[in-house]
C-alpha atoms as a PDB file:
ATOM      1  CA  MET A   1     140.082 104.646 133.636  1.00  0.00           C
ATOM      2  CA  ARG A   2     138.116 101.431 134.012  1.00  0.00           C
ATOM      3  CA  PHE A   3     136.639 101.978 130.549  1.00  0.00           C
ATOM      4  CA  LEU A   4     140.111 102.571 129.089  1.00  0.00           C
ATOM      5  CA  ALA A   5     141.474  99.428 130.751  1.00  0.00           C
ATOM      6  CA  CYS A   6     138.580  97.371 129.347  1.00  0.00           C
ATOM      7  CA  LEU A   7     139.155  98.883 125.905  1.00  0.00           C
ATOM      8  CA  LEU A   8     142.865  98.044 126.024  1.00  0.00           C
ATOM      9  CA  GLY A   9     142.071  94.522 127.221  1.00  0.00           C
ATOM     10  CA  LEU A  10     139.612  94.044 124.368  1.00  0.00           C
ATOM     11  CA  ALA A  11     142.166  95.312 121.864  1.00  0.00           C
ATOM     12  CA  ALA A  12     144.762  92.888 123.204  1.00  0.00           C
ATOM     13  CA  THR A  13     142.278  90.009 122.952  1.00  0.00           C
ATOM     14  CA  VAL A  14     141.402  90.915 119.368  1.00  0.00           C
ATOM     15  CA  ALA A  15     145.094  91.199 118.464  1.00  0.00           C
ATOM     16  CA  THR A  16     145.836  87.809 120.009  1.00  0.00           C
ATOM     17  CA  ALA A  17     142.961  86.216 118.082  1.00  0.00           C
ATOM     18  CA  ALA A  18     144.145  87.855 114.859  1.00  0.00           C
ATOM     19  CA  ASP A  19     147.673  86.604 115.438  1.00  0.00           C
ATOM     20  CA  ALA A  20     146.335  83.076 115.976  1.00  0.00           C
ATOM     21  CA  GLN A  21     144.401  83.240 112.715  1.00  0.00           C
ATOM     22  CA  VAL A  22     147.386  84.332 110.655  1.00  0.00           C
ATOM     23  CA  ARG A  23     149.933  82.113 112.418  1.00  0.00           C
ATOM     24  CA  PRO A  24     151.440  79.710 109.875  1.00  0.00           C
ATOM     25  CA  LEU A  25     150.495  76.135 110.634  1.00  0.00           C
ATOM     26  CA  THR A  26     153.295  73.582 110.674  1.00  0.00           C
ATOM     27  CA  ALA A  27     153.653  70.154 109.094  1.00  0.00           C
ATOM     28  CA  CYS A  28     156.421  67.619 109.380  1.00  0.00           C
ATOM     29  CA  GLY A  29     157.475  64.854 107.042  1.00  0.00           C
ATOM     30  CA  GLU A  30     160.371  62.500 106.580  1.00  0.00           C
ATOM     31  CA  PRO A  31     162.922  63.596 103.950  1.00  0.00           C
ATOM     32  CA  GLY A  32     164.347  60.081 104.183  1.00  0.00           C
ATOM     33  CA  ILE A  33     161.265  58.879 102.341  1.00  0.00           C
ATOM     34  CA  GLY A  34     163.062  60.273  99.299  1.00  0.00           C
ATOM     35  CA  PRO A  35     162.017  61.236  95.773  1.00  0.00           C
ATOM     36  CA  PRO A  36     159.391  61.652  94.499  1.00  0.00           C
ATOM     37  CA  TRP A  37     157.685  62.216  97.865  1.00  0.00           C
ATOM     38  CA  LEU A  38     159.955  64.359 100.037  1.00  0.00           C
ATOM     39  CA  TYR A  39     163.673  65.030  99.814  1.00  0.00           C
ATOM     40  CA  ARG A  40     166.300  67.694 100.297  1.00  0.00           C
ATOM     41  CA  THR A  41     167.508  69.675  97.303  1.00  0.00           C
ATOM     42  CA  PRO A  42     171.086  68.703  96.323  1.00  0.00           C
ATOM     43  CA  GLY A  43     173.469  71.507  97.242  1.00  0.00           C
ATOM     44  CA  LEU A  44     170.778  73.190  99.361  1.00  0.00           C
ATOM     45  CA  PRO A  45     170.351  70.798 102.291  1.00  0.00           C
ATOM     46  CA  GLN A  46     167.880  73.035 104.130  1.00  0.00           C
ATOM     47  CA  GLN A  47     165.493  73.197 101.173  1.00  0.00           C
ATOM     48  CA  LEU A  48     162.770  70.570 100.978  1.00  0.00           C
ATOM     49  CA  ASN A  49     161.494  69.412  97.620  1.00  0.00           C
ATOM     50  CA  GLY A  50     159.133  66.785  96.297  1.00  0.00           C
ATOM     51  CA  PHE A  51     155.520  65.926  95.549  1.00  0.00           C
ATOM     52  CA  LEU A  52     154.393  66.644  99.118  1.00  0.00           C
ATOM     53  CA  VAL A  53     155.966  70.119  98.966  1.00  0.00           C
ATOM     54  CA  ASP A  54     154.182  70.989  95.717  1.00  0.00           C
ATOM     55  CA  LEU A  55     150.899  69.430  96.800  1.00  0.00           C
ATOM     56  CA  TRP A  56     150.036  70.383 100.370  1.00  0.00           C
ATOM     57  CA  PRO A  57     151.097  74.035 100.956  1.00  0.00           C
ATOM     58  CA  PRO A  58     149.071  75.232  97.913  1.00  0.00           C
ATOM     59  CA  LEU A  59     146.042  73.215  99.059  1.00  0.00           C
ATOM     60  CA  PHE A  60     146.264  74.723 102.537  1.00  0.00           C
ATOM     61  CA  ALA A  61     146.599  78.159 100.898  1.00  0.00           C
ATOM     62  CA  LYS A  62     143.221  77.564  99.231  1.00  0.00           C
ATOM     63  CA  LEU A  63     141.824  77.243 102.756  1.00  0.00           C
ATOM     64  CA  GLY A  64     143.411  80.559 103.698  1.00  0.00           C
ATOM     65  CA  VAL A  65     146.175  78.882 105.708  1.00  0.00           C
ATOM     66  CA  GLU A  66     149.935  79.255 105.345  1.00  0.00           C
ATOM     67  CA  LEU A  67     151.739  75.945 105.870  1.00  0.00           C
ATOM     68  CA  LYS A  68     155.352  75.804 107.049  1.00  0.00           C
ATOM     69  CA  LEU A  69     157.170  72.516 106.401  1.00  0.00           C
ATOM     70  CA  ILE A  70     159.552  70.985 108.944  1.00  0.00           C
ATOM     71  CA  GLY A  71     161.916  68.327 107.636  1.00  0.00           C
ATOM     72  CA  ASP A  72     164.476  67.773 110.369  1.00  0.00           C
ATOM     73  CA  LEU A  73     162.616  65.272 112.582  1.00  0.00           C
ATOM     74  CA  PRO A  74     162.721  61.467 112.430  1.00  0.00           C
ATOM     75  CA  PHE A  75     159.203  60.312 111.662  1.00  0.00           C
ATOM     76  CA  LYS A  76     158.501  58.856 115.121  1.00  0.00           C
ATOM     77  CA  ARG A  77     159.379  62.221 116.673  1.00  0.00           C
ATOM     78  CA  CYS A  78     157.305  63.966 114.001  1.00  0.00           C
ATOM     79  CA  LEU A  79     154.217  61.962 115.012  1.00  0.00           C
ATOM     80  CA  ARG A  80     154.844  62.516 118.726  1.00  0.00           C
ATOM     81  CA  ALA A  81     155.159  66.267 118.112  1.00  0.00           C
ATOM     82  CA  VAL A  82     151.846  66.264 116.228  1.00  0.00           C
ATOM     83  CA  ALA A  83     150.081  64.230 118.937  1.00  0.00           C
ATOM     84  CA  SER A  84     151.315  66.687 121.600  1.00  0.00           C
ATOM     85  CA  GLY A  85     150.283  69.741 119.557  1.00  0.00           C
ATOM     86  CA  GLU A  86     153.841  70.996 119.107  1.00  0.00           C
ATOM     87  CA  ILE A  87     153.420  70.577 115.331  1.00  0.00           C
ATOM     88  CA  ASP A  88     150.033  70.798 113.604  1.00  0.00           C
ATOM     89  CA  PHE A  89     150.225  68.096 110.929  1.00  0.00           C
ATOM     90  CA  ALA A  90     152.202  65.129 109.646  1.00  0.00           C
ATOM     91  CA  LEU A  91     151.926  64.701 105.899  1.00  0.00           C
ATOM     92  CA  ALA A  92     152.325  60.992 105.139  1.00  0.00           C
ATOM     93  CA  ALA A  93     151.209  58.642 107.896  1.00  0.00           C
ATOM     94  CA  TYR A  94     149.728  55.157 107.766  1.00  0.00           C
ATOM     95  CA  TYR A  95     146.787  54.418 110.048  1.00  0.00           C
ATOM     96  CA  ASP A  96     147.002  51.981 112.928  1.00  0.00           C
ATOM     97  CA  ASP A  97     144.857  51.630 116.047  1.00  0.00           C
ATOM     98  CA  GLU A  98     147.563  52.955 118.363  1.00  0.00           C
ATOM     99  CA  ARG A  99     148.031  56.098 116.291  1.00  0.00           C
ATOM    100  CA  GLY A 100     144.266  56.469 116.093  1.00  0.00           C
ATOM    101  CA  LYS A 101     144.104  56.988 119.860  1.00  0.00           C
ATOM    102  CA  THR A 102     145.838  60.369 119.610  1.00  0.00           C
ATOM    103  CA  LEU A 103     145.656  61.363 115.938  1.00  0.00           C
ATOM    104  CA  ALA A 104     142.866  62.345 113.545  1.00  0.00           C
ATOM    105  CA  PHE A 105     143.288  61.191 109.937  1.00  0.00           C
ATOM    106  CA  SER A 106     142.401  62.741 106.601  1.00  0.00           C
ATOM    107  CA  LYS A 107     140.893  60.581 103.895  1.00  0.00           C
ATOM    108  CA  PRO A 108     143.578  58.433 102.213  1.00  0.00           C
ATOM    109  CA  TYR A 109     145.338  60.136  99.333  1.00  0.00           C
ATOM    110  CA  LYS A 110     147.576  57.271  98.181  1.00  0.00           C
ATOM    111  CA  THR A 111     147.050  53.516  98.655  1.00  0.00           C
ATOM    112  CA  PHE A 112     149.825  50.911  98.492  1.00  0.00           C
ATOM    113  CA  THR A 113     150.183  47.148  97.868  1.00  0.00           C
ATOM    114  CA  PRO A 114     151.606  45.002 100.724  1.00  0.00           C
ATOM    115  CA  GLN A 115     154.353  42.460 100.029  1.00  0.00           C
ATOM    116  CA  VAL A 116     156.738  40.195 101.919  1.00  0.00           C
ATOM    117  CA  PHE A 117     160.369  40.232 100.728  1.00  0.00           C
ATOM    118  CA  PHE A 118     162.745  37.310 101.274  1.00  0.00           C
ATOM    119  CA  ARG A 119     165.871  35.681  99.849  1.00  0.00           C
ATOM    120  CA  LYS A 120     165.477  33.690  96.640  1.00  0.00           C
ATOM    121  CA  ALA A 121     167.819  31.093  98.126  1.00  0.00           C
ATOM    122  CA  GLN A 122     165.433  30.672 101.050  1.00  0.00           C
ATOM    123  CA  PRO A 123     161.916  31.061  99.674  1.00  0.00           C
ATOM    124  CA  LEU A 124     159.367  31.390 102.438  1.00  0.00           C
ATOM    125  CA  GLN A 125     155.967  29.793 102.108  1.00  0.00           C
ATOM    126  CA  ILE A 126     154.153  32.756 103.620  1.00  0.00           C
ATOM    127  CA  SER A 127     150.753  33.688 102.270  1.00  0.00           C
ATOM    128  CA  ASP A 128     149.182  35.536 105.210  1.00  0.00           C
ATOM    129  CA  ARG A 129     149.991  37.545 108.335  1.00  0.00           C
ATOM    130  CA  ALA A 130     150.084  34.544 110.651  1.00  0.00           C
ATOM    131  CA  GLY A 131     152.923  33.033 108.649  1.00  0.00           C
ATOM    132  CA  LEU A 132     155.168  36.011 109.380  1.00  0.00           C
ATOM    133  CA  LYS A 133     155.378  35.159 113.079  1.00  0.00           C
ATOM    134  CA  ARG A 134     157.286  31.930 112.348  1.00  0.00           C
ATOM    135  CA  TRP A 135     160.289  33.795 110.950  1.00  0.00           C
ATOM    136  CA  ARG A 136     162.696  36.593 111.921  1.00  0.00           C
ATOM    137  CA  GLY A 137     161.672  39.910 110.426  1.00  0.00           C
ATOM    138  CA  CYS A 138     163.457  43.209 109.826  1.00  0.00           C
ATOM    139  CA  GLY A 139     161.880  46.648 109.624  1.00  0.00           C
ATOM    140  CA  LYS A 140     162.726  50.312 109.152  1.00  0.00           C
ATOM    141  CA  ASN A 141     163.062  52.552 112.177  1.00  0.00           C
ATOM    142  CA  GLY A 142     160.006  54.751 112.700  1.00  0.00           C
ATOM    143  CA  SER A 143     157.687  52.741 110.441  1.00  0.00           C
ATOM    144  CA  THR A 144     154.467  51.035 111.542  1.00  0.00           C
ATOM    145  CA  TYR A 145     153.760  47.453 110.526  1.00  0.00           C
ATOM    146  CA  ALA A 146     150.468  47.034 112.387  1.00  0.00           C
ATOM    147  CA  HIS A 147     148.630  46.350 109.112  1.00  0.00           C
ATOM    148  CA  TYR A 148     150.858  43.271 108.795  1.00  0.00           C
ATOM    149  CA  GLY A 149     149.873  42.170 112.285  1.00  0.00           C
ATOM    150  CA  LEU A 150     153.355  43.016 113.579  1.00  0.00           C
ATOM    151  CA  GLY A 151     154.170  45.055 116.656  1.00  0.00           C
ATOM    152  CA  PRO A 152     157.460  46.602 117.855  1.00  0.00           C
ATOM    153  CA  GLY A 153     158.523  43.356 119.500  1.00  0.00           C
ATOM    154  CA  ASP A 154     158.084  41.306 116.344  1.00  0.00           C
ATOM    155  CA  LEU A 155     160.753  42.965 114.205  1.00  0.00           C
ATOM    156  CA  ASP A 156     164.333  44.169 114.355  1.00  0.00           C
ATOM    157  CA  GLN A 157     163.662  47.778 113.320  1.00  0.00           C
ATOM    158  CA  GLY A 158     167.272  48.917 113.313  1.00  0.00           C
ATOM    159  CA  ALA A 159     167.452  49.763 109.591  1.00  0.00           C
ATOM    160  CA  ARG A 160     167.568  53.505 108.930  1.00  0.00           C
ATOM    161  CA  ASN A 161     166.652  53.249 105.247  1.00  0.00           C
ATOM    162  CA  TYR A 162     165.596  50.770 102.561  1.00  0.00           C
ATOM    163  CA  GLN A 163     169.159  50.105 101.432  1.00  0.00           C
ATOM    164  CA  GLN A 164     170.035  48.872 104.918  1.00  0.00           C
ATOM    165  CA  LEU A 165     166.831  46.848 105.036  1.00  0.00           C
ATOM    166  CA  ILE A 166     167.683  44.977 101.827  1.00  0.00           C
ATOM    167  CA  GLU A 167     171.297  44.490 102.889  1.00  0.00           C
ATOM    168  CA  LYS A 168     170.310  43.017 106.266  1.00  0.00           C
ATOM    169  CA  LEU A 169     167.980  40.590 104.569  1.00  0.00           C
ATOM    170  CA  LEU A 170     170.502  39.454 101.958  1.00  0.00           C
ATOM    171  CA  LEU A 171     173.196  39.066 104.644  1.00  0.00           C
ATOM    172  CA  GLY A 172     170.919  36.674 106.505  1.00  0.00           C
ATOM    173  CA  ARG A 173     170.395  38.896 109.549  1.00  0.00           C
ATOM    174  CA  CYS A 174     166.666  38.329 109.169  1.00  0.00           C
ATOM    175  CA  ASP A 175     164.433  36.089 107.068  1.00  0.00           C
ATOM    176  CA  TYR A 176     162.091  38.703 105.627  1.00  0.00           C
ATOM    177  CA  PHE A 177     160.919  42.279 105.620  1.00  0.00           C
ATOM    178  CA  VAL A 178     157.487  43.575 104.706  1.00  0.00           C
ATOM    179  CA  GLU A 179     156.943  46.683 102.622  1.00  0.00           C
ATOM    180  CA  GLU A 180     154.622  48.010  99.958  1.00  0.00           C
ATOM    181  CA  ILE A 181     155.784  47.215  96.447  1.00  0.00           C
ATOM    182  CA  GLU A 182     155.218  50.787  95.217  1.00  0.00           C
ATOM    183  CA  VAL A 183     157.596  52.101  97.877  1.00  0.00           C
ATOM    184  CA  ILE A 184     160.428  49.909  96.602  1.00  0.00           C
ATOM    185  CA  GLU A 185     159.555  50.633  92.956  1.00  0.00           C
ATOM    186  CA  GLN A 186     159.525  54.401  93.472  1.00  0.00           C
ATOM    187  CA  TRP A 187     162.582  54.553  95.692  1.00  0.00           C
ATOM    188  CA  GLU A 188     165.298  56.608  93.942  1.00  0.00           C
ATOM    189  CA  LEU A 189     162.689  57.515  91.295  1.00  0.00           C
ATOM    190  CA  GLY A 190     162.876  54.030  89.821  1.00  0.00           C
ATOM    191  CA  LYS A 191     166.328  54.764  88.368  1.00  0.00           C
ATOM    192  CA  VAL A 192     167.551  51.585  90.062  1.00  0.00           C
ATOM    193  CA  ASP A 193     165.347  48.509  89.709  1.00  0.00           C
ATOM    194  CA  HIS A 194     165.566  47.393  93.320  1.00  0.00           C
ATOM    195  CA  LEU A 195     162.974  44.695  92.676  1.00  0.00           C
ATOM    196  CA  ALA A 196     165.559  43.064  90.390  1.00  0.00           C
ATOM    197  CA  THR A 197     168.254  43.015  93.100  1.00  0.00           C
ATOM    198  CA  PRO A 198     170.083  39.653  92.784  1.00  0.00           C
ATOM    199  CA  GLY A 199     168.887  37.293  95.460  1.00  0.00           C
ATOM    200  CA  LEU A 200     165.759  39.301  96.348  1.00  0.00           C
ATOM    201  CA  ALA A 201     162.264  37.838  95.945  1.00  0.00           C
ATOM    202  CA  HIS A 202     158.806  38.972  97.043  1.00  0.00           C
ATOM    203  CA  ALA A 203     155.211  37.764  97.236  1.00  0.00           C
ATOM    204  CA  PRO A 204     151.771  39.134  98.179  1.00  0.00           C
ATOM    205  CA  LEU A 205     150.032  38.546 101.496  1.00  0.00           C
ATOM    206  CA  SER A 206     146.373  37.652 101.106  1.00  0.00           C
ATOM    207  CA  ASP A 207     144.950  39.054 104.331  1.00  0.00           C
ATOM    208  CA  VAL A 208     146.852  42.340 104.678  1.00  0.00           C
ATOM    209  CA  SER A 209     144.730  45.437 104.116  1.00  0.00           C
ATOM    210  CA  PRO A 210     146.365  47.911 101.718  1.00  0.00           C
ATOM    211  CA  PRO A 211     147.775  50.815 103.768  1.00  0.00           C
ATOM    212  CA  ALA A 212     147.474  54.416 102.671  1.00  0.00           C
ATOM    213  CA  PHE A 213     149.028  57.814 103.233  1.00  0.00           C
ATOM    214  CA  HIS A 214     146.986  60.277 105.309  1.00  0.00           C
ATOM    215  CA  VAL A 215     147.517  63.789 106.633  1.00  0.00           C
ATOM    216  CA  VAL A 216     147.165  63.623 110.423  1.00  0.00           C
ATOM    217  CA  ALA A 217     146.609  66.067 113.280  1.00  0.00           C
ATOM    218  CA  ALA A 218     146.099  65.751 117.021  1.00  0.00           C
ATOM    219  CA  ARG A 219     142.604  64.525 117.886  1.00  0.00           C
ATOM    220  CA  GLY A 220     140.362  67.340 119.072  1.00  0.00           C
ATOM    221  CA  SER A 221     142.717  70.061 117.845  1.00  0.00           C
ATOM    222  CA  ALA A 222     141.894  73.060 115.666  1.00  0.00           C
ATOM    223  CA  ALA A 223     144.169  71.520 113.043  1.00  0.00           C
ATOM    224  CA  ALA A 224     142.043  68.342 113.029  1.00  0.00           C
ATOM    225  CA  GLU A 225     138.969  70.446 112.299  1.00  0.00           C
ATOM    226  CA  LEU A 226     140.588  71.505 109.008  1.00  0.00           C
ATOM    227  CA  LEU A 227     140.941  67.930 107.706  1.00  0.00           C
ATOM    228  CA  PRO A 228     137.457  67.637 106.091  1.00  0.00           C
ATOM    229  CA  ARG A 229     138.060  70.892 104.199  1.00  0.00           C
ATOM    230  CA  LEU A 230     141.493  69.614 103.191  1.00  0.00           C
ATOM    231  CA  ASP A 231     139.912  66.391 101.891  1.00  0.00           C
ATOM    232  CA  ALA A 232     137.561  68.459  99.752  1.00  0.00           C
ATOM    233  CA  ALA A 233     140.430  70.607  98.426  1.00  0.00           C
ATOM    234  CA  PHE A 234     142.413  67.463  97.508  1.00  0.00           C
ATOM    235  CA  ALA A 235     139.407  65.948  95.704  1.00  0.00           C
ATOM    236  CA  GLU A 236     138.957  69.152  93.693  1.00  0.00           C
ATOM    237  CA  ALA A 237     142.680  69.291  92.825  1.00  0.00           C
ATOM    238  CA  THR A 238     142.473  65.677  91.664  1.00  0.00           C
ATOM    239  CA  ARG A 239     139.495  66.424  89.406  1.00  0.00           C
ATOM    240  CA  LYS A 240     141.318  69.404  87.893  1.00  0.00           C
ATOM    241  CA  GLY A 241     144.455  67.352  87.177  1.00  0.00           C
ATOM    242  CA  GLU A 242     146.618  69.360  89.584  1.00  0.00           C
ATOM    243  CA  VAL A 243     147.628  66.300  91.617  1.00  0.00           C
ATOM    244  CA  ALA A 244     148.654  64.439  88.458  1.00  0.00           C
ATOM    245  CA  ARG A 245     150.763  67.413  87.293  1.00  0.00           C
ATOM    246  CA  HIS A 246     152.589  67.641  90.627  1.00  0.00           C
ATOM    247  CA  TRP A 247     153.244  63.889  90.588  1.00  0.00           C
ATOM    248  CA  LYS A 248     154.582  63.913  87.019  1.00  0.00           C
ATOM    249  CA  ARG A 249     156.943  66.763  87.833  1.00  0.00           C
ATOM    250  CA  HIS A 250     158.662  64.726  90.562  1.00  0.00           C
ATOM    251  CA  ALA A 251     157.947  61.117  89.533  1.00  0.00           C
ATOM    252  CA  GLY A 252     158.116  61.245  85.750  1.00  0.00           C
ATOM    253  CA  LYS A 253     156.586  58.073  84.302  1.00  0.00           C
ATOM    254  CA  LEU A 254     156.140  56.342  87.660  1.00  0.00           C
ATOM    255  CA  LEU A 255     152.501  55.497  88.241  1.00  0.00           C
ATOM    256  CA  TYR A 256     150.611  57.231  91.038  1.00  0.00           C
END
């Protein structure tokens, strides 16, 4: 009987381990980031589409891992869920020191160009991060602006999307917002030239390090241990032109 009990216990342990190995891993993103990155399919609101959908699940599959995408969380909640281990990965996160305390980061897979946006009627003589503190800034809810030297108390982050951000600025509810120029260029697939919005101007900031998208997982987790292999899979897909093909499918002529 004791032998049988041990045998059954061993079988249960093996089954549990097997289940853990085949369990789909989860990743969250922010559909509000929009085309070409991540968006919901028109007419099929539960279906996620975009460059991130075409890129990451197949790369995880090359590692022998099924990846399930979750697109119904605001990005701040997405990151909290990853840090707590509730979700395995977030797909498009900037690095900052606070996030680095709880999250492990992949190598960057897309780098962006920082800018400060302001009203043409009130041009701001801002050339570096220190200059931002002299003015009232707006930001988007859930975004990090640590690379601009700005914390949560430095900005009104009530805007839910980029349209609201631009509107608040042009209505005079703040003096500036900071964002990467590629984000504004690629928003709505470049079909609307938001950089040409009447009354909107922008300029570079000399001492702001270019931020980048990373895949992130909880520090010390099994998911974090996969990140070096994921980096290698992304590098191989880039060499083979797979990344460029996925980007062209969703972004057309927009530059990566």
